[in-house]
All heavy atoms as atom14 arrays in JSON, in Angstrom:
{
  "sequence": "ARRMKARFRSKGEKGTRFVHTLNGSGIAVGRTLVAILENYQQEDGSV",
  "atom14_mask": [
    [1, 1, 1, 1, 1, 0, 0, 0, 0, 0, 0, 0, 0, 0],
    [1, 1, 1, 1, 1, 1, 1, 1, 1, 1, 1, 0, 0, 0],
    [1, 1, 1, 1, 1, 1, 1, 1, 1, 1, 1, 0, 0, 0],
    [1, 1, 1, 1, 1, 1, 1, 1, 0, 0, 0, 0, 0, 0],
    [1, 1, 1, 1, 1, 1, 1, 1, 1, 0, 0, 0, 0, 0],
    [1, 1, 1, 1, 1, 0, 0, 0, 0, 0, 0, 0, 0, 0],
    [1, 1, 1, 1, 1, 1, 1, 1, 1, 1, 1, 0, 0, 0],
    [1, 1, 1, 1, 1, 1, 1, 1, 1, 1, 1, 0, 0, 0],
    [1, 1, 1, 1, 1, 1, 1, 1, 1, 1, 1, 0, 0, 0],
    [1, 1, 1, 1, 1, 1, 0, 0, 0, 0, 0, 0, 0, 0],
    [1, 1, 1, 1, 1, 1, 1, 1, 1, 0, 0, 0, 0, 0],
    [1, 1, 1, 1, 0, 0, 0, 0, 0, 0, 0, 0, 0, 0],
    [1, 1, 1, 1, 1, 1, 1, 1, 1, 0, 0, 0, 0, 0],
    [1, 1, 1, 1, 1, 1, 1, 1, 1, 0, 0, 0, 0, 0],
    [1, 1, 1, 1, 0, 0, 0, 0, 0, 0, 0, 0, 0, 0],
    [1, 1, 1, 1, 1, 1, 1, 0, 0, 0, 0, 0, 0, 0],
    [1, 1, 1, 1, 1, 1, 1, 1, 1, 1, 1, 0, 0, 0],
    [1, 1, 1, 1, 1, 1, 1, 1, 1, 1, 1, 0, 0, 0],
    [1, 1, 1, 1, 1, 1, 1, 0, 0, 0, 0, 0, 0, 0],
    [1, 1, 1, 1, 1, 1, 1, 1, 1, 1, 0, 0, 0, 0],
    [1, 1, 1, 1, 1, 1, 1, 0, 0, 0, 0, 0, 0, 0],
    [1, 1, 1, 1, 1, 1, 1, 1, 0, 0, 0, 0, 0, 0],
    [1, 1, 1, 1, 1, 1, 1, 1, 0, 0, 0, 0, 0, 0],
    [1, 1, 1, 1, 0, 0, 0, 0, 0, 0, 0, 0, 0, 0],
    [1, 1, 1, 1, 1, 1, 0, 0, 0, 0, 0, 0, 0, 0],
    [1, 1, 1, 1, 0, 0, 0, 0, 0, 0, 0, 0, 0, 0],
    [1, 1, 1, 1, 1, 1, 1, 1, 0, 0, 0, 0, 0, 0],
    [1, 1, 1, 1, 1, 0, 0, 0, 0, 0, 0, 0, 0, 0],
    [1, 1, 1, 1, 1, 1, 1, 0, 0, 0, 0, 0, 0, 0],
    [1, 1, 1, 1, 0, 0, 0, 0, 0, 0, 0, 0, 0, 0],
    [1, 1, 1, 1, 1, 1, 1, 1, 1, 1, 1, 0, 0, 0],
    [1, 1, 1, 1, 1, 1, 1, 0, 0, 0, 0, 0, 0, 0],
    [1, 1, 1, 1, 1, 1, 1, 1, 0, 0, 0, 0, 0, 0],
    [1, 1, 1, 1, 1, 1, 1, 0, 0, 0, 0, 0, 0, 0],
    [1, 1, 1, 1, 1, 0, 0, 0, 0, 0, 0, 0, 0, 0],
    [1, 1, 1, 1, 1, 1, 1, 1, 0, 0, 0, 0, 0, 0],
    [1, 1, 1, 1, 1, 1, 1, 1, 0, 0, 0, 0, 0, 0],
    [1, 1, 1, 1, 1, 1, 1, 1, 1, 0, 0, 0, 0, 0],
    [1, 1, 1, 1, 1, 1, 1, 1, 0, 0, 0, 0, 0, 0],
    [1, 1, 1, 1, 1, 1, 1, 1, 1, 1, 1, 1, 0, 0],
    [1, 1, 1, 1, 1, 1, 1, 1, 1, 0, 0, 0, 0, 0],
    [1, 1, 1, 1, 1, 1, 1, 1, 1, 0, 0, 0, 0, 0],
    [1, 1, 1, 1, 1, 1, 1, 1, 1, 0, 0, 0, 0, 0],
    [1, 1, 1, 1, 1, 1, 1, 1, 0, 0, 0, 0, 0, 0],
    [1, 1, 1, 1, 0, 0, 0, 0, 0, 0, 0, 0, 0, 0],
    [1, 1, 1, 1, 1, 1, 0, 0, 0, 0, 0, 0, 0, 0],
    [1, 1, 1, 1, 1, 1, 1, 0, 0, 0, 0, 0, 0, 0]
  ],
  "atom14_positions": [
    [[142.9, 113.28, 110.04], [143.75, 114.22, 109.31], [145.11, 113.6, 109.0], [145.69, 113.84, 107.93], [143.91, 115.51, 110.09], [0.0, 0.0, 0.0], [0.0, 0.0, 0.0], [0.0, 0.0, 0.0], [0.0, 0.0, 0.0], [0.0, 0.0, 0.0], [0.0, 0.0, 0.0], [0.0, 0.0, 0.0], [0.0, 0.0, 0.0], [0.0, 0.0, 0.0]],
    [[145.66, 112.83, 109.94], [146.93, 112.17, 109.69], [146.8, 111.14, 108.57], [147.7, 111.0, 107.73], [147.45, 111.51, 110.97], [147.92, 112.5, 112.03], [148.46, 111.81, 113.26], [148.93, 112.77, 114.23], [150.12, 113.34, 114.22], [150.99, 113.01, 113.26], [150.46, 114.22, 115.13], [0.0, 0.0, 0.0], [0.0, 0.0, 0.0], [0.0, 0.0, 0.0]],
    [[145.71, 110.41, 108.56], [145.49, 109.42, 107.51], [145.3, 110.1, 106.15], [145.73, 109.58, 105.12], [144.27, 108.56, 107.84], [144.4, 107.76, 109.12], [143.09, 107.14, 109.54], [142.75, 105.94, 108.8], [142.97, 104.7, 109.18], [143.56, 104.47, 110.35], [142.63, 103.67, 108.43], [0.0, 0.0, 0.0], [0.0, 0.0, 0.0], [0.0, 0.0, 0.0]],
    [[144.65, 111.27, 106.16], [144.37, 112.0, 104.93], [145.48, 112.96, 104.54], [145.47, 113.49, 103.44], [143.08, 112.81, 105.07], [141.82, 112.03, 105.33], [140.38, 113.13, 105.27], [140.82, 114.32, 106.54], [0.0, 0.0, 0.0], [0.0, 0.0, 0.0], [0.0, 0.0, 0.0], [0.0, 0.0, 0.0], [0.0, 0.0, 0.0], [0.0, 0.0, 0.0]],
    [[146.4, 113.24, 105.47], [147.44, 114.26, 105.28], [146.8, 115.62, 105.02], [147.13, 116.32, 104.05], [148.39, 113.86, 104.15], [149.17, 112.58, 104.42], [150.07, 112.2, 103.28], [150.94, 110.99, 103.62], [150.16, 109.8, 104.05], [0.0, 0.0, 0.0], [0.0, 0.0, 0.0], [0.0, 0.0, 0.0], [0.0, 0.0, 0.0], [0.0, 0.0, 0.0]],
    [[145.91, 116.0, 105.91], [145.2, 117.28, 105.82], [145.76, 118.23, 106.88], [145.66, 117.96, 108.08], [143.7, 117.09, 106.02], [0.0, 0.0, 0.0], [0.0, 0.0, 0.0], [0.0, 0.0, 0.0], [0.0, 0.0, 0.0], [0.0, 0.0, 0.0], [0.0, 0.0, 0.0], [0.0, 0.0, 0.0], [0.0, 0.0, 0.0], [0.0, 0.0, 0.0]],
    [[146.33, 119.33, 106.44], [147.01, 120.26, 107.33], [146.49, 121.69, 107.14], [145.72, 121.98, 106.24], [148.52, 120.24, 107.08], [149.2, 118.9, 107.3], [150.66, 118.98, 106.93], [151.43, 117.79, 107.29], [151.55, 116.72, 106.53], [150.95, 116.71, 105.34], [152.27, 115.68, 106.93], [0.0, 0.0, 0.0], [0.0, 0.0, 0.0], [0.0, 0.0, 0.0]],
    [[146.98, 122.58, 108.02], [146.75, 124.0, 107.84], [148.01, 124.75, 108.26], [148.86, 124.22, 108.98], [145.54, 124.47, 108.66], [145.8, 124.58, 110.14], [146.12, 125.8, 110.73], [145.72, 123.46, 110.95], [146.36, 125.89, 112.09], [145.97, 123.53, 112.32], [146.29, 124.76, 112.89], [0.0, 0.0, 0.0], [0.0, 0.0, 0.0], [0.0, 0.0, 0.0]],
    [[148.11, 125.98, 107.8], [149.25, 126.82, 108.15], [148.74, 128.13, 108.74], [147.85, 128.78, 108.17], [150.11, 127.1, 106.91], [151.32, 128.0, 107.21], [152.15, 128.25, 105.96], [152.97, 127.08, 105.59], [152.8, 126.37, 104.5], [151.82, 126.7, 103.64], [153.57, 125.32, 104.24], [0.0, 0.0, 0.0], [0.0, 0.0, 0.0], [0.0, 0.0, 0.0]],
    [[149.29, 128.5, 109.87], [148.94, 129.77, 110.5], [149.7, 130.91, 109.82], [150.8, 130.72, 109.29], [149.26, 129.74, 111.99], [148.5, 128.75, 112.66], [0.0, 0.0, 0.0], [0.0, 0.0, 0.0], [0.0, 0.0, 0.0], [0.0, 0.0, 0.0], [0.0, 0.0, 0.0], [0.0, 0.0, 0.0], [0.0, 0.0, 0.0], [0.0, 0.0, 0.0]],
    [[149.12, 132.1, 109.86], [149.74, 133.27, 109.24], [151.1, 133.54, 109.85], [151.28, 133.57, 111.06], [148.83, 134.49, 109.41], [149.31, 135.72, 108.66], [148.32, 136.87, 108.81], [148.8, 138.11, 108.06], [147.84, 139.24, 108.18], [0.0, 0.0, 0.0], [0.0, 0.0, 0.0], [0.0, 0.0, 0.0], [0.0, 0.0, 0.0], [0.0, 0.0, 0.0]],
    [[152.08, 133.75, 108.99], [153.42, 134.07, 109.44], [154.26, 132.89, 109.86], [155.41, 133.07, 110.29], [0.0, 0.0, 0.0], [0.0, 0.0, 0.0], [0.0, 0.0, 0.0], [0.0, 0.0, 0.0], [0.0, 0.0, 0.0], [0.0, 0.0, 0.0], [0.0, 0.0, 0.0], [0.0, 0.0, 0.0], [0.0, 0.0, 0.0], [0.0, 0.0, 0.0]],
    [[153.71, 131.67, 109.77], [154.46, 130.48, 110.16], [154.81, 129.64, 108.94], [154.03, 129.51, 108.01], [153.65, 129.64, 111.16], [153.41, 130.34, 112.49], [152.7, 129.44, 113.49], [152.49, 128.24, 113.16], [152.37, 129.92, 114.59], [0.0, 0.0, 0.0], [0.0, 0.0, 0.0], [0.0, 0.0, 0.0], [0.0, 0.0, 0.0], [0.0, 0.0, 0.0]],
    [[156.0, 129.04, 108.95], [156.43, 128.17, 107.87], [155.89, 126.75, 108.03], [155.56, 126.09, 107.05], [157.96, 128.15, 107.78], [158.59, 129.47, 107.36], [160.09, 129.34, 107.24], [160.72, 130.65, 106.8], [162.21, 130.52, 106.68], [0.0, 0.0, 0.0], [0.0, 0.0, 0.0], [0.0, 0.0, 0.0], [0.0, 0.0, 0.0], [0.0, 0.0, 0.0]],
    [[155.84, 126.31, 109.27], [155.39, 124.95, 109.54], [153.89, 124.79, 109.41], [153.13, 125.76, 109.33], [0.0, 0.0, 0.0], [0.0, 0.0, 0.0], [0.0, 0.0, 0.0], [0.0, 0.0, 0.0], [0.0, 0.0, 0.0], [0.0, 0.0, 0.0], [0.0, 0.0, 0.0], [0.0, 0.0, 0.0], [0.0, 0.0, 0.0], [0.0, 0.0, 0.0]],
    [[153.45, 123.54, 109.38], [152.03, 123.23, 109.29], [151.61, 122.36, 110.46], [152.44, 121.72, 111.12], [151.69, 122.5, 107.97], [152.42, 121.25, 107.93], [152.06, 123.36, 106.77], [0.0, 0.0, 0.0], [0.0, 0.0, 0.0], [0.0, 0.0, 0.0], [0.0, 0.0, 0.0], [0.0, 0.0, 0.0], [0.0, 0.0, 0.0], [0.0, 0.0, 0.0]],
    [[150.31, 122.31, 110.71], [149.73, 121.45, 111.73], [148.57, 120.67, 111.12], [147.95, 121.13, 110.15], [149.23, 122.27, 112.93], [150.32, 123.03, 113.66], [149.73, 124.01, 114.67], [148.99, 123.34, 115.73], [148.27, 123.99, 116.67], [148.19, 125.32, 116.64], [147.63, 123.32, 117.6], [0.0, 0.0, 0.0], [0.0, 0.0, 0.0], [0.0, 0.0, 0.0]],
    [[148.29, 119.52, 111.69], [147.14, 118.76, 111.23], [145.85, 119.43, 111.72], [145.77, 119.9, 112.86], [147.2, 117.33, 111.75], [148.23, 116.47, 111.07], [149.41, 116.16, 111.72], [148.02, 115.99, 109.8], [150.37, 115.39, 111.1], [148.98, 115.22, 109.17], [150.16, 114.91, 109.81], [0.0, 0.0, 0.0], [0.0, 0.0, 0.0], [0.0, 0.0, 0.0]],
    [[144.85, 119.46, 110.86], [143.54, 119.94, 111.27], [142.9, 118.91, 112.19], [143.37, 117.77, 112.32], [142.62, 120.19, 110.05], [143.2, 121.24, 109.13], [142.36, 118.89, 109.27], [0.0, 0.0, 0.0], [0.0, 0.0, 0.0], [0.0, 0.0, 0.0], [0.0, 0.0, 0.0], [0.0, 0.0, 0.0], [0.0, 0.0, 0.0], [0.0, 0.0, 0.0]],
    [[141.8, 119.29, 112.84], [140.95, 118.36, 113.55], [139.67, 118.18, 112.74], [139.16, 119.13, 112.15], [140.61, 118.86, 114.95], [141.71, 118.6, 115.94], [141.52, 118.66, 117.32], [143.01, 118.27, 115.76], [142.66, 118.38, 117.93], [143.58, 118.15, 117.01], [0.0, 0.0, 0.0], [0.0, 0.0, 0.0], [0.0, 0.0, 0.0], [0.0, 0.0, 0.0]],
    [[139.16, 116.96, 112.71], [137.94, 116.67, 111.97], [136.85, 116.21, 112.91], [137.1, 115.5, 113.89], [138.18, 115.6, 110.89], [138.57, 114.36, 111.52], [139.26, 116.04, 109.92], [0.0, 0.0, 0.0], [0.0, 0.0, 0.0], [0.0, 0.0, 0.0], [0.0, 0.0, 0.0], [0.0, 0.0, 0.0], [0.0, 0.0, 0.0], [0.0, 0.0, 0.0]],
    [[135.62, 116.61, 112.6], [134.45, 116.24, 113.39], [133.34, 115.84, 112.44], [133.22, 116.37, 111.33], [133.98, 117.38, 114.28], [135.0, 117.97, 115.27], [135.7, 119.18, 114.67], [134.31, 118.38, 116.57], [0.0, 0.0, 0.0], [0.0, 0.0, 0.0], [0.0, 0.0, 0.0], [0.0, 0.0, 0.0], [0.0, 0.0, 0.0], [0.0, 0.0, 0.0]],
    [[132.51, 114.91, 112.87], [131.36, 114.51, 112.06], [130.19, 114.17, 112.96], [130.36, 113.75, 114.1], [131.71, 113.33, 111.16], [132.04, 112.07, 111.96], [131.15, 111.33, 112.38], [133.34, 111.82, 112.18], [0.0, 0.0, 0.0], [0.0, 0.0, 0.0], [0.0, 0.0, 0.0], [0.0, 0.0, 0.0], [0.0, 0.0, 0.0], [0.0, 0.0, 0.0]],
    [[129.0, 114.36, 112.42], [127.8, 114.05, 113.18], [126.59, 113.9, 112.28], [126.51, 114.52, 111.21], [0.0, 0.0, 0.0], [0.0, 0.0, 0.0], [0.0, 0.0, 0.0], [0.0, 0.0, 0.0], [0.0, 0.0, 0.0], [0.0, 0.0, 0.0], [0.0, 0.0, 0.0], [0.0, 0.0, 0.0], [0.0, 0.0, 0.0], [0.0, 0.0, 0.0]],
    [[125.66, 113.09, 112.69], [124.39, 112.97, 111.98], [123.53, 114.16, 112.33], [123.32, 114.45, 113.5], [123.66, 111.68, 112.39], [124.48, 110.55, 112.2], [0.0, 0.0, 0.0], [0.0, 0.0, 0.0], [0.0, 0.0, 0.0], [0.0, 0.0, 0.0], [0.0, 0.0, 0.0], [0.0, 0.0, 0.0], [0.0, 0.0, 0.0], [0.0, 0.0, 0.0]],
    [[123.01, 114.79, 111.27], [122.29, 116.02, 111.51], [120.85, 116.1, 111.03], [120.47, 117.2, 110.65], [0.0, 0.0, 0.0], [0.0, 0.0, 0.0], [0.0, 0.0, 0.0], [0.0, 0.0, 0.0], [0.0, 0.0, 0.0], [0.0, 0.0, 0.0], [0.0, 0.0, 0.0], [0.0, 0.0, 0.0], [0.0, 0.0, 0.0], [0.0, 0.0, 0.0]],
    [[120.07, 114.99, 110.9], [120.29, 113.71, 111.57], [119.87, 112.58, 110.64], [119.54, 112.83, 109.47], [119.51, 113.62, 112.91], [118.05, 113.98, 112.71], [120.12, 114.46, 113.97], [117.17, 113.96, 113.96], [0.0, 0.0, 0.0], [0.0, 0.0, 0.0], [0.0, 0.0, 0.0], [0.0, 0.0, 0.0], [0.0, 0.0, 0.0], [0.0, 0.0, 0.0]],
    [[119.82, 111.35, 111.14], [119.38, 110.21, 110.34], [117.93, 110.38, 109.97], [117.05, 110.41, 110.84], [119.6, 108.91, 111.12], [0.0, 0.0, 0.0], [0.0, 0.0, 0.0], [0.0, 0.0, 0.0], [0.0, 0.0, 0.0], [0.0, 0.0, 0.0], [0.0, 0.0, 0.0], [0.0, 0.0, 0.0], [0.0, 0.0, 0.0], [0.0, 0.0, 0.0]],
    [[117.65, 110.51, 108.67], [116.31, 110.84, 108.2], [115.33, 109.71, 108.46], [114.22, 109.92, 108.96], [116.34, 111.21, 106.71], [114.92, 111.46, 106.18], [117.22, 112.43, 106.48], [0.0, 0.0, 0.0], [0.0, 0.0, 0.0], [0.0, 0.0, 0.0], [0.0, 0.0, 0.0], [0.0, 0.0, 0.0], [0.0, 0.0, 0.0], [0.0, 0.0, 0.0]],
    [[115.72, 108.48, 108.12], [114.82, 107.35, 108.31], [114.44, 107.15, 109.76], [113.27, 106.89, 110.09], [0.0, 0.0, 0.0], [0.0, 0.0, 0.0], [0.0, 0.0, 0.0], [0.0, 0.0, 0.0], [0.0, 0.0, 0.0], [0.0, 0.0, 0.0], [0.0, 0.0, 0.0], [0.0, 0.0, 0.0], [0.0, 0.0, 0.0], [0.0, 0.0, 0.0]],
    [[115.39, 107.26, 110.67], [115.09, 107.08, 112.09], [114.24, 108.23, 112.62], [113.45, 108.04, 113.55], [116.39, 106.94, 112.89], [117.1, 105.62, 112.63], [118.07, 105.26, 113.71], [118.58, 103.9, 113.52], [119.22, 103.19, 114.45], [119.42, 103.72, 115.64], [119.63, 101.96, 114.19], [0.0, 0.0, 0.0], [0.0, 0.0, 0.0], [0.0, 0.0, 0.0]],
    [[114.41, 109.43, 112.04], [113.55, 110.54, 112.44], [112.12, 110.3, 111.98], [111.16, 110.6, 112.7], [114.08, 111.86, 111.85], [115.47, 112.0, 112.15], [113.34, 113.04, 112.45], [0.0, 0.0, 0.0], [0.0, 0.0, 0.0], [0.0, 0.0, 0.0], [0.0, 0.0, 0.0], [0.0, 0.0, 0.0], [0.0, 0.0, 0.0], [0.0, 0.0, 0.0]],
    [[111.96, 109.76, 110.78], [110.63, 109.38, 110.31], [110.0, 108.36, 111.25], [108.82, 108.46, 111.59], [110.74, 108.83, 108.88], [109.43, 108.48, 108.16], [109.55, 108.76, 106.67], [109.07, 107.0, 108.36], [0.0, 0.0, 0.0], [0.0, 0.0, 0.0], [0.0, 0.0, 0.0], [0.0, 0.0, 0.0], [0.0, 0.0, 0.0], [0.0, 0.0, 0.0]],
    [[110.78, 107.37, 111.66], [110.31, 106.38, 112.62], [109.83, 107.06, 113.9], [108.75, 106.75, 114.43], [111.43, 105.36, 112.93], [111.09, 104.53, 114.16], [111.69, 104.47, 111.73], [0.0, 0.0, 0.0], [0.0, 0.0, 0.0], [0.0, 0.0, 0.0], [0.0, 0.0, 0.0], [0.0, 0.0, 0.0], [0.0, 0.0, 0.0], [0.0, 0.0, 0.0]],
    [[110.63, 108.0, 114.4], [110.29, 108.68, 115.65], [109.02, 109.51, 115.52], [108.2, 109.56, 116.45], [111.45, 109.57, 116.09], [0.0, 0.0, 0.0], [0.0, 0.0, 0.0], [0.0, 0.0, 0.0], [0.0, 0.0, 0.0], [0.0, 0.0, 0.0], [0.0, 0.0, 0.0], [0.0, 0.0, 0.0], [0.0, 0.0, 0.0], [0.0, 0.0, 0.0]],
    [[108.83, 110.15, 114.38], [107.62, 110.94, 114.16], [106.39, 110.03, 114.11], [105.35, 110.32, 114.72], [107.74, 111.78, 112.88], [108.74, 112.92, 113.11], [106.39, 112.34, 112.44], [109.07, 113.7, 111.86], [0.0, 0.0, 0.0], [0.0, 0.0, 0.0], [0.0, 0.0, 0.0], [0.0, 0.0, 0.0], [0.0, 0.0, 0.0], [0.0, 0.0, 0.0]],
    [[106.51, 108.92, 113.39], [105.39, 107.99, 113.32], [104.97, 107.54, 114.71], [103.77, 107.51, 115.03], [105.76, 106.77, 112.47], [105.88, 106.97, 110.96], [106.33, 105.67, 110.29], [104.56, 107.42, 110.37], [0.0, 0.0, 0.0], [0.0, 0.0, 0.0], [0.0, 0.0, 0.0], [0.0, 0.0, 0.0], [0.0, 0.0, 0.0], [0.0, 0.0, 0.0]],
    [[105.93, 107.2, 115.55], [105.58, 106.64, 116.85], [105.16, 107.7, 117.85], [104.27, 107.46, 118.67], [106.75, 105.82, 117.38], [107.04, 104.58, 116.53], [107.9, 103.53, 117.24], [108.08, 103.65, 118.47], [108.37, 102.61, 116.55], [0.0, 0.0, 0.0], [0.0, 0.0, 0.0], [0.0, 0.0, 0.0], [0.0, 0.0, 0.0], [0.0, 0.0, 0.0]],
    [[105.77, 108.88, 117.82], [105.43, 109.91, 118.79], [104.2, 110.72, 118.41], [103.54, 111.28, 119.29], [106.62, 110.87, 118.98], [107.7, 110.28, 119.87], [107.64, 110.35, 121.09], [108.71, 109.69, 119.23], [0.0, 0.0, 0.0], [0.0, 0.0, 0.0], [0.0, 0.0, 0.0], [0.0, 0.0, 0.0], [0.0, 0.0, 0.0], [0.0, 0.0, 0.0]],
    [[103.87, 110.79, 117.13], [102.73, 111.58, 116.68], [101.56, 110.71, 116.23], [100.64, 111.2, 115.58], [103.16, 112.52, 115.54], [103.93, 113.74, 116.02], [105.31, 113.69, 116.18], [103.28, 114.92, 116.32], [106.02, 114.81, 116.62], [103.96, 116.04, 116.76], [105.34, 115.96, 116.91], [106.02, 117.08, 117.35], [0.0, 0.0, 0.0], [0.0, 0.0, 0.0]],
    [[101.58, 109.44, 116.55], [100.5, 108.55, 116.15], [99.21, 108.85, 116.92], [99.22, 109.31, 118.06], [100.89, 107.09, 116.37], [101.19, 106.7, 117.8], [101.57, 105.23, 117.93], [100.75, 104.34, 117.69], [102.81, 104.97, 118.29], [0.0, 0.0, 0.0], [0.0, 0.0, 0.0], [0.0, 0.0, 0.0], [0.0, 0.0, 0.0], [0.0, 0.0, 0.0]],
    [[98.09, 108.58, 116.27], [96.77, 108.75, 116.85], [96.09, 107.38, 116.98], [96.5, 106.4, 116.35], [95.92, 109.68, 115.99], [96.57, 111.05, 115.72], [96.8, 111.84, 116.97], [95.85, 112.23, 117.66], [98.07, 112.1, 117.29], [0.0, 0.0, 0.0], [0.0, 0.0, 0.0], [0.0, 0.0, 0.0], [0.0, 0.0, 0.0], [0.0, 0.0, 0.0]],
    [[95.08, 107.32, 117.77], [94.43, 106.04, 118.05], [93.86, 105.39, 116.79], [93.83, 104.16, 116.68], [93.31, 106.22, 119.09], [92.75, 104.9, 119.62], [91.86, 105.08, 120.83], [91.55, 106.25, 121.18], [91.49, 104.06, 121.45], [0.0, 0.0, 0.0], [0.0, 0.0, 0.0], [0.0, 0.0, 0.0], [0.0, 0.0, 0.0], [0.0, 0.0, 0.0]],
    [[93.42, 106.22, 115.81], [92.86, 105.66, 114.58], [93.93, 105.22, 113.58], [93.61, 104.8, 112.46], [91.9, 106.66, 113.92], [92.61, 107.94, 113.45], [93.84, 108.08, 113.67], [91.92, 108.82, 112.89], [0.0, 0.0, 0.0], [0.0, 0.0, 0.0], [0.0, 0.0, 0.0], [0.0, 0.0, 0.0], [0.0, 0.0, 0.0], [0.0, 0.0, 0.0]],
    [[95.21, 105.32, 113.98], [96.3, 104.9, 113.1], [96.88, 106.01, 112.25], [97.89, 105.78, 111.56], [0.0, 0.0, 0.0], [0.0, 0.0, 0.0], [0.0, 0.0, 0.0], [0.0, 0.0, 0.0], [0.0, 0.0, 0.0], [0.0, 0.0, 0.0], [0.0, 0.0, 0.0], [0.0, 0.0, 0.0], [0.0, 0.0, 0.0], [0.0, 0.0, 0.0]],
    [[96.26, 107.19, 112.26], [96.82, 108.32, 111.53], [98.0, 108.9, 112.3], [98.21, 108.58, 113.48], [95.75, 109.39, 111.29], [95.29, 109.92, 112.53], [0.0, 0.0, 0.0], [0.0, 0.0, 0.0], [0.0, 0.0, 0.0], [0.0, 0.0, 0.0], [0.0, 0.0, 0.0], [0.0, 0.0, 0.0], [0.0, 0.0, 0.0], [0.0, 0.0, 0.0]],
    [[98.74, 109.78, 111.64], [99.93, 110.38, 112.24], [99.91, 111.88, 111.98], [99.84, 112.32, 110.83], [101.22, 109.77, 111.66], [102.45, 110.44, 112.27], [101.26, 108.27, 111.89], [0.0, 0.0, 0.0], [0.0, 0.0, 0.0], [0.0, 0.0, 0.0], [0.0, 0.0, 0.0], [0.0, 0.0, 0.0], [0.0, 0.0, 0.0], [0.0, 0.0, 0.0]]
  ]
}
């Protein structure tokens, strides 16, 4: 937020504060495909 200059203002206040930012994979699609292939595999090679 400091790098981006992203702030918020609370009701009734003149000053501002920096927001907090969060990020996360929700999730990596390719790696999930990998996990499904390996966890749901059958002996004949099907999935």
